[in-house]
Amino acid sequence: MSAAFAIDLTDADTYPSRRTEAWKYSDLKRYLRAAPQPSGTAEVGPPGPFYDLGGEAIVFANGRAVGVTDFIASGERTLRLRYVSDAVGTGHTASARVSARAGAKLLLLETHEGAGSAYVAHNTLELDVAAGAEVTRVVLVEEPEDAISIAEAHVKVEAGGIYRQTIVTTGAKLQRIETRITHYAQGAQVQADGLYLLNGSRHADLTSVVRHVEHDGATSQLIKGVARDTARGVFQGKIVVERGADGTDARMGHHALIASERAEIDAKPELIIYADDVQCAHGNTVGTLDESALFYMQQRGIPAEEARALLTQAFLIEVIDRIEHEGAREVAREWLTARL
């Protein structure tokens, strides 16, 4: 996972396959051999799940901007970024740019809202966190089971900045949510969390690369996932500590549950350290639901499916609880609970 793979939906030659190391678990070329026809116009429909938290909005419908595509935050602001897809068998691309000025406090509430079927979506976000700014990004992704989608975020965090991210997704036919963070450290803090809850034959790939390029920065990452039926969950996390980035404190954890015999979890956590005097650690576990806990709950009259849902929620909710903004945390909690 070195340089980002530049995908152009209009050019099938740019689609990565499993021969590309960073895409070996999410073979785009296997599912998409030719460039899709461009998607037509779409209605935005009802407001997204974060509507009640207010703020301003950037909205794309099948890749077409409904208003502005750039946003510059100063002071305390809330922005709802909505990528709306409503297409059948076609493809579309959308790009947004968001900047938080020095000292700003931005709540970025992002949704990928899919309807229709068999569409291909490629959404990108450029996000700059200036010195001393604070950005909290919460992402909810819900798409049809036969859709293909790629979402990329390229984040730059300047000295003293704070960036917190939580991604919650239910997957698609092939779904990849990629975050690339350049961490200019010097007191900057990054939290890059996420969870996936996958049923049927859905596939979700949470890939992240965090590059510490200056000293005294901190990164904390917690990813959790559940794969049921024949679903496939993928986590690829890489933290790179460059030369001169002494004093870095970086922690990464991925923990997943396989809830059926045919489900699959692929995990590849990596730490690459070129600096001295650092504190870095990563952990990875994949297991099944605690059968004794299931038995205990059923002995007390809780039906098996309800018991599984409660244990799954208890496992995943730790990621949601790390969202500091109360309103966003409650929306994410309700959204997740409704899908259990």
C-alpha atoms as a PDB file:
ATOM      1  CA  MET A   1       0.000   0.000   0.000  1.00  0.00           C
ATOM      2  CA  SER A   2       2.375   2.636  -1.170  1.00  0.00           C
ATOM      3  CA  ALA A   3       1.034   5.217  -3.567  1.00  0.00           C
ATOM      4  CA  ALA A   4      -2.733   5.349  -3.975  1.00  0.00           C
ATOM      5  CA  PHE A   5      -4.037   3.470  -6.998  1.00  0.00           C
ATOM      6  CA  ALA A   6      -5.591   6.101  -9.305  1.00  0.00           C
ATOM      7  CA  ILE A   7      -8.939   4.754 -10.480  1.00  0.00           C
ATOM      8  CA  ASP A   8     -10.791   6.350 -13.368  1.00  0.00           C
ATOM      9  CA  LEU A   9     -14.257   4.835 -13.815  1.00  0.00           C
ATOM     10  CA  THR A  10     -14.214   5.743 -17.515  1.00  0.00           C
ATOM     11  CA  ASP A  11     -11.035   3.716 -18.114  1.00  0.00           C
ATOM     12  CA  ALA A  12     -11.130  -0.032 -17.337  1.00  0.00           C
ATOM     13  CA  ASP A  13      -7.339  -0.191 -17.634  1.00  0.00           C
ATOM     14  CA  THR A  14      -7.094   1.651 -14.298  1.00  0.00           C
ATOM     15  CA  TYR A  15      -9.129  -0.937 -12.363  1.00  0.00           C
ATOM     16  CA  PRO A  16      -6.896  -2.820  -9.921  1.00  0.00           C
ATOM     17  CA  SER A  17      -6.983  -6.597  -9.633  1.00  0.00           C
ATOM     18  CA  ARG A  18      -5.770  -8.996  -6.964  1.00  0.00           C
ATOM     19  CA  ARG A  19      -2.325  -8.777  -8.577  1.00  0.00           C
ATOM     20  CA  THR A  20      -2.093  -5.279  -7.106  1.00  0.00           C
ATOM     21  CA  GLU A  21      -0.919  -5.941  -3.543  1.00  0.00           C
ATOM     22  CA  ALA A  22      -3.141  -3.320  -1.903  1.00  0.00           C
ATOM     23  CA  TRP A  23      -6.192  -4.749  -3.711  1.00  0.00           C
ATOM     24  CA  LYS A  24      -5.549  -8.485  -3.394  1.00  0.00           C
ATOM     25  CA  TYR A  25      -8.571  -8.985  -1.124  1.00  0.00           C
ATOM     26  CA  SER A  26     -10.857  -6.709  -3.187  1.00  0.00           C
ATOM     27  CA  ASP A  27     -10.393  -7.618  -6.847  1.00  0.00           C
ATOM     28  CA  LEU A  28     -12.215  -4.810  -8.652  1.00  0.00           C
ATOM     29  CA  LYS A  29     -11.381  -6.111 -12.123  1.00  0.00           C
ATOM     30  CA  ARG A  30     -13.034  -9.423 -11.303  1.00  0.00           C
ATOM     31  CA  TYR A  31     -16.391  -7.682 -10.838  1.00  0.00           C
ATOM     32  CA  LEU A  32     -15.956  -4.769 -13.225  1.00  0.00           C
ATOM     33  CA  ARG A  33     -14.348  -5.576 -16.559  1.00  0.00           C
ATOM     34  CA  ALA A  34     -15.585  -2.646 -18.625  1.00  0.00           C
ATOM     35  CA  ALA A  35     -16.329   0.991 -17.913  1.00  0.00           C
ATOM     36  CA  PRO A  36     -20.003   1.424 -16.957  1.00  0.00           C
ATOM     37  CA  GLN A  37     -22.311   3.741 -18.826  1.00  0.00           C
ATOM     38  CA  PRO A  38     -22.636   7.136 -17.072  1.00  0.00           C
ATOM     39  CA  SER A  39     -25.485   7.382 -14.595  1.00  0.00           C
ATOM     40  CA  GLY A  40     -28.370   9.691 -15.361  1.00  0.00           C
ATOM     41  CA  THR A  41     -29.813  12.299 -13.049  1.00  0.00           C
ATOM     42  CA  ALA A  42     -31.331  11.305  -9.717  1.00  0.00           C
ATOM     43  CA  GLU A  43     -33.576  12.802  -7.107  1.00  0.00           C
ATOM     44  CA  VAL A  44     -32.009  13.399  -3.708  1.00  0.00           C
ATOM     45  CA  GLY A  45     -35.046  12.058  -1.860  1.00  0.00           C
ATOM     46  CA  PRO A  46     -35.677  12.353   1.902  1.00  0.00           C
ATOM     47  CA  PRO A  47     -33.097  13.942   4.183  1.00  0.00           C
ATOM     48  CA  GLY A  48     -30.246  11.743   5.374  1.00  0.00           C
ATOM     49  CA  PRO A  49     -29.916  10.225   8.855  1.00  0.00           C
ATOM     50  CA  PHE A  50     -27.966  13.199  10.244  1.00  0.00           C
ATOM     51  CA  TYR A  51     -30.530  15.816   9.187  1.00  0.00           C
ATOM     52  CA  ASP A  52     -31.736  16.578  12.711  1.00  0.00           C
ATOM     53  CA  LEU A  53     -28.216  17.625  13.745  1.00  0.00           C
ATOM     54  CA  GLY A  54     -28.524  20.642  11.455  1.00  0.00           C
ATOM     55  CA  GLY A  55     -25.651  22.420   9.771  1.00  0.00           C
ATOM     56  CA  GLU A  56     -24.917  23.000   6.125  1.00  0.00           C
ATOM     57  CA  ALA A  57     -24.827  20.398   3.365  1.00  0.00           C
ATOM     58  CA  ILE A  58     -22.871  19.248   0.338  1.00  0.00           C
ATOM     59  CA  VAL A  59     -24.987  16.830  -1.694  1.00  0.00           C
ATOM     60  CA  PHE A  60     -24.189  14.714  -4.745  1.00  0.00           C
ATOM     61  CA  ALA A  61     -26.847  12.775  -6.647  1.00  0.00           C
ATOM     62  CA  ASN A  62     -25.364  10.159  -8.981  1.00  0.00           C
ATOM     63  CA  GLY A  63     -22.142  12.153  -8.937  1.00  0.00           C
ATOM     64  CA  ARG A  64     -23.777  15.472  -9.808  1.00  0.00           C
ATOM     65  CA  ALA A  65     -23.353  18.237  -7.268  1.00  0.00           C
ATOM     66  CA  VAL A  66     -26.495  19.817  -5.871  1.00  0.00           C
ATOM     67  CA  GLY A  67     -24.897  23.174  -5.023  1.00  0.00           C
ATOM     68  CA  VAL A  68     -21.313  23.677  -3.846  1.00  0.00           C
ATOM     69  CA  THR A  69     -18.591  21.007  -3.716  1.00  0.00           C
ATOM     70  CA  ASP A  70     -16.057  22.917  -1.588  1.00  0.00           C
ATOM     71  CA  PHE A  71     -16.418  23.914   2.051  1.00  0.00           C
ATOM     72  CA  ILE A  72     -14.114  25.973   4.273  1.00  0.00           C
ATOM     73  CA  ALA A  73     -14.821  25.875   8.007  1.00  0.00           C
ATOM     74  CA  SER A  74     -13.879  28.497  10.546  1.00  0.00           C
ATOM     75  CA  GLY A  75     -15.216  28.654  14.079  1.00  0.00           C
ATOM     76  CA  GLU A  76     -17.600  25.856  15.096  1.00  0.00           C
ATOM     77  CA  ARG A  77     -19.476  24.312  12.157  1.00  0.00           C
ATOM     78  CA  THR A  78     -21.451  21.243  11.141  1.00  0.00           C
ATOM     79  CA  LEU A  79     -21.388  19.914   7.585  1.00  0.00           C
ATOM     80  CA  ARG A  80     -23.482  17.065   6.203  1.00  0.00           C
ATOM     81  CA  LEU A  81     -21.779  15.460   3.196  1.00  0.00           C
ATOM     82  CA  ARG A  82     -24.172  13.209   1.275  1.00  0.00           C
ATOM     83  CA  TYR A  83     -23.269  10.917  -1.611  1.00  0.00           C
ATOM     84  CA  VAL A  84     -26.638   9.761  -2.961  1.00  0.00           C
ATOM     85  CA  SER A  85     -26.789   6.960  -5.563  1.00  0.00           C
ATOM     86  CA  ASP A  86     -29.986   5.965  -7.356  1.00  0.00           C
ATOM     87  CA  ALA A  87     -29.039   4.138 -10.519  1.00  0.00           C
ATOM     88  CA  VAL A  88     -29.340   0.769 -12.265  1.00  0.00           C
ATOM     89  CA  GLY A  89     -26.294  -0.734 -13.949  1.00  0.00           C
ATOM     90  CA  THR A  90     -24.505   2.583 -14.517  1.00  0.00           C
ATOM     91  CA  GLY A  91     -21.586   4.403 -12.907  1.00  0.00           C
ATOM     92  CA  HIS A  92     -20.808   7.808 -11.426  1.00  0.00           C
ATOM     93  CA  THR A  93     -18.039   9.724  -9.668  1.00  0.00           C
ATOM     94  CA  ALA A  94     -18.158  12.566  -7.129  1.00  0.00           C
ATOM     95  CA  SER A  95     -15.434  14.668  -5.510  1.00  0.00           C
ATOM     96  CA  ALA A  96     -15.659  17.034  -2.549  1.00  0.00           C
ATOM     97  CA  ARG A  97     -13.087  19.217  -0.825  1.00  0.00           C
ATOM     98  CA  VAL A  98     -13.375  20.288   2.828  1.00  0.00           C
ATOM     99  CA  SER A  99     -10.942  22.455   4.786  1.00  0.00           C
ATOM    100  CA  ALA A 100     -10.924  23.305   8.479  1.00  0.00           C
ATOM    101  CA  ARG A 101      -9.018  26.522   9.129  1.00  0.00           C
ATOM    102  CA  ALA A 102      -6.681  27.034  12.069  1.00  0.00           C
ATOM    103  CA  GLY A 103      -8.608  26.744  15.323  1.00  0.00           C
ATOM    104  CA  ALA A 104     -11.834  25.603  13.646  1.00  0.00           C
ATOM    105  CA  LYS A 105     -14.040  22.877  15.117  1.00  0.00           C
ATOM    106  CA  LEU A 106     -15.851  20.935  12.402  1.00  0.00           C
ATOM    107  CA  LEU A 107     -18.357  18.104  12.722  1.00  0.00           C
ATOM    108  CA  LEU A 108     -18.399  16.319   9.349  1.00  0.00           C
ATOM    109  CA  LEU A 109     -21.360  13.945   8.991  1.00  0.00           C
ATOM    110  CA  GLU A 110     -20.967  11.843   5.863  1.00  0.00           C
ATOM    111  CA  THR A 111     -23.473   9.415   4.360  1.00  0.00           C
ATOM    112  CA  HIS A 112     -23.343   7.137   1.340  1.00  0.00           C
ATOM    113  CA  GLU A 113     -27.000   6.483   0.540  1.00  0.00           C
ATOM    114  CA  GLY A 114     -27.654   3.877  -2.150  1.00  0.00           C
ATOM    115  CA  ALA A 115     -30.803   2.907  -4.030  1.00  0.00           C
ATOM    116  CA  GLY A 116     -31.382   1.138  -7.334  1.00  0.00           C
ATOM    117  CA  SER A 117     -29.151  -1.810  -8.218  1.00  0.00           C
ATOM    118  CA  ALA A 118     -25.845  -2.895  -9.747  1.00  0.00           C
ATOM    119  CA  TYR A 119     -24.465   0.632  -9.949  1.00  0.00           C
ATOM    120  CA  VAL A 120     -20.809   1.607  -9.611  1.00  0.00           C
ATOM    121  CA  ALA A 121     -19.915   4.609  -7.430  1.00  0.00           C
ATOM    122  CA  HIS A 122     -16.522   6.211  -6.900  1.00  0.00           C
ATOM    123  CA  ASN A 123     -16.544   9.002  -4.308  1.00  0.00           C
ATOM    124  CA  THR A 124     -13.560  11.003  -3.126  1.00  0.00           C
ATOM    125  CA  LEU A 125     -12.960  13.509  -0.353  1.00  0.00           C
ATOM    126  CA  GLU A 126      -9.999  15.841   0.114  1.00  0.00           C
ATOM    127  CA  LEU A 127      -9.887  16.969   3.737  1.00  0.00           C
ATOM    128  CA  ASP A 128      -7.421  19.432   5.255  1.00  0.00           C
ATOM    129  CA  VAL A 129      -7.147  19.888   9.025  1.00  0.00           C
ATOM    130  CA  ALA A 130      -5.151  23.055   9.695  1.00  0.00           C
ATOM    131  CA  ALA A 131      -2.900  23.694  12.682  1.00  0.00           C
ATOM    132  CA  GLY A 132      -4.903  23.563  15.884  1.00  0.00           C
ATOM    133  CA  ALA A 133      -8.154  22.649  14.096  1.00  0.00           C
ATOM    134  CA  GLU A 134     -10.417  19.824  15.243  1.00  0.00           C
ATOM    135  CA  VAL A 135     -12.447  17.658  12.849  1.00  0.00           C
ATOM    136  CA  THR A 136     -14.796  14.818  13.800  1.00  0.00           C
ATOM    137  CA  ARG A 137     -15.900  12.748  10.794  1.00  0.00           C
ATOM    138  CA  VAL A 138     -18.663  10.152  11.175  1.00  0.00           C
ATOM    139  CA  VAL A 139     -19.506   8.066   8.085  1.00  0.00           C
ATOM    140  CA  LEU A 140     -22.585   5.851   7.585  1.00  0.00           C
ATOM    141  CA  VAL A 141     -22.609   3.689   4.454  1.00  0.00           C
ATOM    142  CA  GLU A 142     -25.650   1.750   3.230  1.00  0.00           C
ATOM    143  CA  GLU A 143     -25.832   0.454  -0.320  1.00  0.00           C
ATOM    144  CA  PRO A 144     -27.612  -2.290  -2.296  1.00  0.00           C
ATOM    145  CA  GLU A 145     -26.151  -5.788  -2.067  1.00  0.00           C
ATOM    146  CA  ASP A 146     -25.312  -5.805  -5.804  1.00  0.00           C
ATOM    147  CA  ALA A 147     -23.609  -2.380  -5.922  1.00  0.00           C
ATOM    148  CA  ILE A 148     -19.898  -1.735  -6.387  1.00  0.00           C
ATOM    149  CA  SER A 149     -18.530   1.260  -4.545  1.00  0.00           C
ATOM    150  CA  ILE A 150     -15.182   2.826  -3.774  1.00  0.00           C
ATOM    151  CA  ALA A 151     -14.860   5.723  -1.351  1.00  0.00           C
ATOM    152  CA  GLU A 152     -11.532   7.470  -0.855  1.00  0.00           C
ATOM    153  CA  ALA A 153     -10.605  10.100   1.716  1.00  0.00           C
ATOM    154  CA  HIS A 154      -7.255  11.899   1.577  1.00  0.00           C
ATOM    155  CA  VAL A 155      -6.687  13.667   4.889  1.00  0.00           C
ATOM    156  CA  LYS A 156      -3.905  16.049   5.889  1.00  0.00           C
ATOM    157  CA  VAL A 157      -3.509  16.885   9.588  1.00  0.00           C
ATOM    158  CA  GLU A 158      -1.224  19.801  10.435  1.00  0.00           C
ATOM    159  CA  ALA A 159       0.701  20.360  13.688  1.00  0.00           C
ATOM    160  CA  GLY A 160      -1.536  20.364  16.743  1.00  0.00           C
ATOM    161  CA  GLY A 161      -4.598  19.336  14.750  1.00  0.00           C
ATOM    162  CA  ILE A 162      -7.101  16.743  15.941  1.00  0.00           C
ATOM    163  CA  TYR A 163      -8.817  14.365  13.513  1.00  0.00           C
ATOM    164  CA  ARG A 164     -11.331  11.737  14.605  1.00  0.00           C
ATOM    165  CA  GLN A 165     -12.999   9.345  12.187  1.00  0.00           C
ATOM    166  CA  THR A 166     -15.606   6.608  12.602  1.00  0.00           C
ATOM    167  CA  ILE A 167     -16.889   4.577   9.638  1.00  0.00           C
ATOM    168  CA  VAL A 168     -19.946   2.315   9.949  1.00  0.00           C
ATOM    169  CA  THR A 169     -20.876   0.161   6.958  1.00  0.00           C
ATOM    170  CA  THR A 170     -23.014  -2.796   5.917  1.00  0.00           C
ATOM    171  CA  GLY A 171     -21.061  -3.598   2.725  1.00  0.00           C
ATOM    172  CA  ALA A 172     -22.110  -4.214  -0.885  1.00  0.00           C
ATOM    173  CA  LYS A 173     -21.191  -6.594  -3.698  1.00  0.00           C
ATOM    174  CA  LEU A 174     -17.728  -5.051  -3.583  1.00  0.00           C
ATOM    175  CA  GLN A 175     -17.164  -2.084  -1.310  1.00  0.00           C
ATOM    176  CA  ARG A 176     -13.903  -0.420  -0.375  1.00  0.00           C
ATOM    177  CA  ILE A 177     -13.641   2.527   2.005  1.00  0.00           C
ATOM    178  CA  GLU A 178     -10.095   3.831   1.961  1.00  0.00           C
ATOM    179  CA  THR A 179      -8.566   6.519   4.169  1.00  0.00           C
ATOM    180  CA  ARG A 180      -5.096   7.985   3.637  1.00  0.00           C
ATOM    181  CA  ILE A 181      -3.869  10.310   6.363  1.00  0.00           C
ATOM    182  CA  THR A 182      -0.707  12.396   6.279  1.00  0.00           C
ATOM    183  CA  HIS A 183       0.094  13.178   9.891  1.00  0.00           C
ATOM    184  CA  TYR A 184       2.254  16.251  10.387  1.00  0.00           C
ATOM    185  CA  ALA A 185       2.412  15.310  14.056  1.00  0.00           C
ATOM    186  CA  GLN A 186       3.997  17.846  16.459  1.00  0.00           C
ATOM    187  CA  GLY A 187       1.165  17.249  18.897  1.00  0.00           C
ATOM    188  CA  ALA A 188      -1.414  16.283  16.289  1.00  0.00           C
ATOM    189  CA  GLN A 189      -3.822  13.479  17.205  1.00  0.00           C
ATOM    190  CA  VAL A 190      -5.575  11.035  14.899  1.00  0.00           C
ATOM    191  CA  GLN A 191      -8.308   8.540  15.747  1.00  0.00           C
ATOM    192  CA  ALA A 192      -9.275   6.318  12.792  1.00  0.00           C
ATOM    193  CA  ASP A 193     -12.037   3.907  13.821  1.00  0.00           C
ATOM    194  CA  GLY A 194     -14.563   1.822  11.944  1.00  0.00           C
ATOM    195  CA  LEU A 195     -16.886  -1.152  11.962  1.00  0.00           C
ATOM    196  CA  TYR A 196     -18.534  -3.427   9.433  1.00  0.00           C
ATOM    197  CA  LEU A 197     -21.660  -5.548   9.839  1.00  0.00           C
ATOM    198  CA  LEU A 198     -22.060  -7.878   6.862  1.00  0.00           C
ATOM    199  CA  ASN A 199     -24.862 -10.243   5.883  1.00  0.00           C
ATOM    200  CA  GLY A 200     -25.551 -12.340   2.794  1.00  0.00           C
ATOM    201  CA  SER A 201     -22.702 -12.239   0.278  1.00  0.00           C
ATOM    202  CA  ARG A 202     -21.701  -8.655   1.028  1.00  0.00           C
ATOM    203  CA  HIS A 203     -18.084  -7.501   0.969  1.00  0.00           C
ATOM    204  CA  ALA A 204     -16.578  -4.549   2.836  1.00  0.00           C
ATOM    205  CA  ASP A 205     -12.928  -3.489   2.767  1.00  0.00           C
ATOM    206  CA  LEU A 206     -11.739  -0.904   5.292  1.00  0.00           C
ATOM    207  CA  THR A 207      -8.256   0.153   4.208  1.00  0.00           C
ATOM    208  CA  SER A 208      -6.214   2.898   5.856  1.00  0.00           C
ATOM    209  CA  VAL A 209      -2.698   4.295   5.617  1.00  0.00           C
ATOM    210  CA  VAL A 210      -1.460   6.761   8.249  1.00  0.00           C
ATOM    211  CA  ARG A 211       1.933   8.386   7.616  1.00  0.00           C
ATOM    212  CA  HIS A 212       3.645  10.116  10.538  1.00  0.00           C
ATOM    213  CA  VAL A 213       6.085  12.564   8.964  1.00  0.00           C
ATOM    214  CA  GLU A 214       6.930  14.753  11.995  1.00  0.00           C
ATOM    215  CA  HIS A 215       7.694  14.126  15.648  1.00  0.00           C
ATOM    216  CA  ASP A 216       5.417  13.754  18.677  1.00  0.00           C
ATOM    217  CA  GLY A 217       2.169  12.700  17.052  1.00  0.00           C
ATOM    218  CA  ALA A 218      -0.404  10.152  18.198  1.00  0.00           C
ATOM    219  CA  THR A 219      -2.617   7.715  16.296  1.00  0.00           C
ATOM    220  CA  SER A 220      -5.258   5.430  17.772  1.00  0.00           C
ATOM    221  CA  GLN A 221      -7.228   2.995  15.614  1.00  0.00           C
ATOM    222  CA  LEU A 222      -9.967   0.532  16.548  1.00  0.00           C
ATOM    223  CA  ILE A 223     -11.734  -1.497  13.859  1.00  0.00           C
ATOM    224  CA  LYS A 224     -14.363  -4.147  14.628  1.00  0.00           C
ATOM    225  CA  GLY A 225     -16.395  -6.310  12.292  1.00  0.00           C
ATOM    226  CA  VAL A 226     -18.921  -9.122  11.981  1.00  0.00           C
ATOM    227  CA  ALA A 227     -19.363 -11.333   8.911  1.00  0.00           C
ATOM    228  CA  ARG A 228     -22.365 -13.637   8.575  1.00  0.00           C
ATOM    229  CA  ASP A 229     -23.604 -16.049   5.873  1.00  0.00           C
ATOM    230  CA  THR A 230     -21.049 -15.921   2.999  1.00  0.00           C
ATOM    231  CA  ALA A 231     -19.966 -12.318   3.621  1.00  0.00           C
ATOM    232  CA  ARG A 232     -16.344 -11.168   3.511  1.00  0.00           C
ATOM    233  CA  GLY A 233     -14.782  -8.502   5.699  1.00  0.00           C
ATOM    234  CA  VAL A 234     -11.392  -6.991   4.932  1.00  0.00           C
ATOM    235  CA  PHE A 235      -9.197  -4.771   7.094  1.00  0.00           C
ATOM    236  CA  GLN A 236      -5.912  -3.406   5.830  1.00  0.00           C
ATOM    237  CA  GLY A 237      -4.276  -0.920   8.162  1.00  0.00           C
ATOM    238  CA  LYS A 238      -0.823   0.519   7.741  1.00  0.00           C
ATOM    239  CA  ILE A 239       0.913   3.016  10.027  1.00  0.00           C
ATOM    240  CA  VAL A 240       4.208   4.371   8.721  1.00  0.00           C
ATOM    241  CA  VAL A 241       6.544   6.276  11.049  1.00  0.00           C
ATOM    242  CA  GLU A 242       8.995   8.177   8.860  1.00  0.00           C
ATOM    243  CA  ARG A 243      12.543   9.151   9.778  1.00  0.00           C
ATOM    244  CA  GLY A 244      12.498  12.078  12.177  1.00  0.00           C
ATOM    245  CA  ALA A 245       9.043  11.236  13.544  1.00  0.00           C
ATOM    246  CA  ASP A 246      10.468  10.473  16.983  1.00  0.00           C
ATOM    247  CA  GLY A 247       8.075  10.426  19.906  1.00  0.00           C
ATOM    248  CA  THR A 248       5.273   8.906  17.835  1.00  0.00           C
ATOM    249  CA  ASP A 249       2.618   6.980  19.787  1.00  0.00           C
ATOM    250  CA  ALA A 250       0.623   4.731  17.434  1.00  0.00           C
ATOM    251  CA  ARG A 251      -1.840   1.969  18.389  1.00  0.00           C
ATOM    252  CA  MET A 252      -3.918  -0.165  16.026  1.00  0.00           C
ATOM    253  CA  GLY A 253      -6.429  -2.907  16.778  1.00  0.00           C
ATOM    254  CA  HIS A 254      -8.718  -5.007  14.566  1.00  0.00           C
ATOM    255  CA  HIS A 255     -11.143  -7.498  16.099  1.00  0.00           C
ATOM    256  CA  ALA A 256     -13.734  -9.479  14.162  1.00  0.00           C
ATOM    257  CA  LEU A 257     -16.376 -12.159  14.590  1.00  0.00           C
ATOM    258  CA  ILE A 258     -17.153 -14.838  12.021  1.00  0.00           C
ATOM    259  CA  ALA A 259     -20.799 -15.742  12.527  1.00  0.00           C
ATOM    260  CA  SER A 260     -21.083 -18.608  10.036  1.00  0.00           C
ATOM    261  CA  GLU A 261     -18.938 -21.384   8.593  1.00  0.00           C
ATOM    262  CA  ARG A 262     -18.729 -19.805   5.123  1.00  0.00           C
ATOM    263  CA  ALA A 263     -18.007 -16.199   6.080  1.00  0.00           C
ATOM    264  CA  GLU A 264     -14.476 -14.842   5.667  1.00  0.00           C
ATOM    265  CA  ILE A 265     -12.309 -12.226   7.369  1.00  0.00           C
ATOM    266  CA  ASP A 266      -9.026 -11.025   5.879  1.00  0.00           C
ATOM    267  CA  ALA A 267      -6.852  -8.787   8.040  1.00  0.00           C
ATOM    268  CA  LYS A 268      -3.502  -7.195   7.326  1.00  0.00           C
ATOM    269  CA  PRO A 269      -2.310  -4.801  10.063  1.00  0.00           C
ATOM    270  CA  GLU A 270       1.127  -3.277   9.436  1.00  0.00           C
ATOM    271  CA  LEU A 271       3.554  -1.048  11.322  1.00  0.00           C
ATOM    272  CA  ILE A 272       6.543   0.329   9.437  1.00  0.00           C
ATOM    273  CA  ILE A 273       8.932   2.280  11.648  1.00  0.00           C
ATOM    274  CA  TYR A 274      11.944   4.265  10.488  1.00  0.00           C
ATOM    275  CA  ALA A 275      12.309   6.420  13.625  1.00  0.00           C
ATOM    276  CA  ASP A 276      13.711   5.871  17.109  1.00  0.00           C
ATOM    277  CA  ASP A 277      12.059   6.493  20.475  1.00  0.00           C
ATOM    278  CA  VAL A 278       8.530   5.526  19.435  1.00  0.00           C
ATOM    279  CA  GLN A 279       5.678   3.633  21.086  1.00  0.00           C
ATOM    280  CA  CYS A 280       3.833   1.526  18.519  1.00  0.00           C
ATOM    281  CA  ALA A 281       1.661  -1.581  18.763  1.00  0.00           C
ATOM    282  CA  HIS A 282      -0.924  -3.461  16.752  1.00  0.00           C
ATOM    283  CA  GLY A 283      -3.280  -6.336  17.485  1.00  0.00           C
ATOM    284  CA  ASN A 284      -5.622  -8.548  15.483  1.00  0.00           C
ATOM    285  CA  THR A 285      -8.158 -11.172  16.598  1.00  0.00           C
ATOM    286  CA  VAL A 286     -10.766 -13.173  14.688  1.00  0.00           C
ATOM    287  CA  GLY A 287     -13.168 -15.462  16.511  1.00  0.00           C
ATOM    288  CA  THR A 288     -16.781 -16.524  17.003  1.00  0.00           C
ATOM    289  CA  LEU A 289     -19.560 -15.555  19.393  1.00  0.00           C
ATOM    290  CA  ASP A 290     -19.182 -16.932  22.903  1.00  0.00           C
ATOM    291  CA  GLU A 291     -21.291 -20.100  22.881  1.00  0.00           C
ATOM    292  CA  SER A 292     -21.486 -20.202  26.692  1.00  0.00           C
ATOM    293  CA  ALA A 293     -22.899 -16.651  26.721  1.00  0.00           C
ATOM    294  CA  LEU A 294     -25.445 -17.642  24.053  1.00  0.00           C
ATOM    295  CA  PHE A 295     -26.442 -20.693  26.087  1.00  0.00           C
ATOM    296  CA  TYR A 296     -26.721 -18.605  29.268  1.00  0.00           C
ATOM    297  CA  MET A 297     -29.008 -16.070  27.565  1.00  0.00           C
ATOM    298  CA  GLN A 298     -31.206 -18.755  26.012  1.00  0.00           C
ATOM    299  CA  GLN A 299     -31.556 -20.466  29.402  1.00  0.00           C
ATOM    300  CA  ARG A 300     -33.082 -17.210  30.609  1.00  0.00           C
ATOM    301  CA  GLY A 301     -35.710 -17.177  27.890  1.00  0.00           C
ATOM    302  CA  ILE A 302     -34.034 -14.995  25.264  1.00  0.00           C
ATOM    303  CA  PRO A 303     -34.578 -16.441  21.749  1.00  0.00           C
ATOM    304  CA  ALA A 304     -31.392 -17.510  19.962  1.00  0.00           C
ATOM    305  CA  GLU A 305     -31.538 -14.848  17.210  1.00  0.00           C
ATOM    306  CA  GLU A 306     -32.179 -12.072  19.716  1.00  0.00           C
ATOM    307  CA  ALA A 307     -29.335 -13.335  21.904  1.00  0.00           C
ATOM    308  CA  ARG A 308     -26.964 -13.296  18.914  1.00  0.00           C
ATOM    309  CA  ALA A 309     -28.035  -9.757  18.026  1.00  0.00           C
ATOM    310  CA  LEU A 310     -27.473  -8.558  21.600  1.00  0.00           C
ATOM    311  CA  LEU A 311     -24.024 -10.145  21.810  1.00  0.00           C
ATOM    312  CA  THR A 312     -23.098  -8.724  18.394  1.00  0.00           C
ATOM    313  CA  GLN A 313     -24.209  -5.260  19.437  1.00  0.00           C
ATOM    314  CA  ALA A 314     -22.229  -5.508  22.669  1.00  0.00           C
ATOM    315  CA  PHE A 315     -19.146  -6.449  20.637  1.00  0.00           C
ATOM    316  CA  LEU A 316     -19.463  -3.647  18.070  1.00  0.00           C
ATOM    317  CA  ILE A 317     -20.730  -0.825  20.276  1.00  0.00           C
ATOM    318  CA  GLU A 318     -17.266  -0.044  21.654  1.00  0.00           C
ATOM    319  CA  VAL A 319     -16.453   1.622  18.337  1.00  0.00           C
ATOM    320  CA  ILE A 320     -19.614   3.755  18.490  1.00  0.00           C
ATOM    321  CA  ASP A 321     -18.926   4.709  22.113  1.00  0.00           C
ATOM    322  CA  ARG A 322     -15.608   6.267  21.033  1.00  0.00           C
ATOM    323  CA  ILE A 323     -17.492   8.960  19.041  1.00  0.00           C
ATOM    324  CA  GLU A 324     -17.103  12.029  21.236  1.00  0.00           C
ATOM    325  CA  HIS A 325     -19.958  14.108  19.790  1.00  0.00           C
ATOM    326  CA  GLU A 326     -23.097  13.010  21.622  1.00  0.00           C
ATOM    327  CA  GLY A 327     -25.599  13.738  18.840  1.00  0.00           C
ATOM    328  CA  ALA A 328     -23.569  11.958  16.172  1.00  0.00           C
ATOM    329  CA  ARG A 329     -22.919   9.074  18.552  1.00  0.00           C
ATOM    330  CA  GLU A 330     -26.636   8.564  19.184  1.00  0.00           C
ATOM    331  CA  VAL A 331     -27.509   8.678  15.459  1.00  0.00           C
ATOM    332  CA  ALA A 332     -24.789   6.109  14.722  1.00  0.00           C
ATOM    333  CA  ARG A 333     -25.957   3.919  17.610  1.00  0.00           C
ATOM    334  CA  GLU A 334     -29.584   3.931  16.408  1.00  0.00           C
ATOM    335  CA  TRP A 335     -28.497   3.350  12.795  1.00  0.00           C
ATOM    336  CA  LEU A 336     -26.420   0.321  13.794  1.00  0.00           C
ATOM    337  CA  THR A 337     -29.031  -1.116  16.147  1.00  0.00           C
ATOM    338  CA  ALA A 338     -31.690  -0.952  13.415  1.00  0.00           C
ATOM    339  CA  ARG A 339     -29.464  -3.099  11.174  1.00  0.00           C
ATOM    340  CA  LEU A 340     -28.739  -5.801  13.748  1.00  0.00           C
END
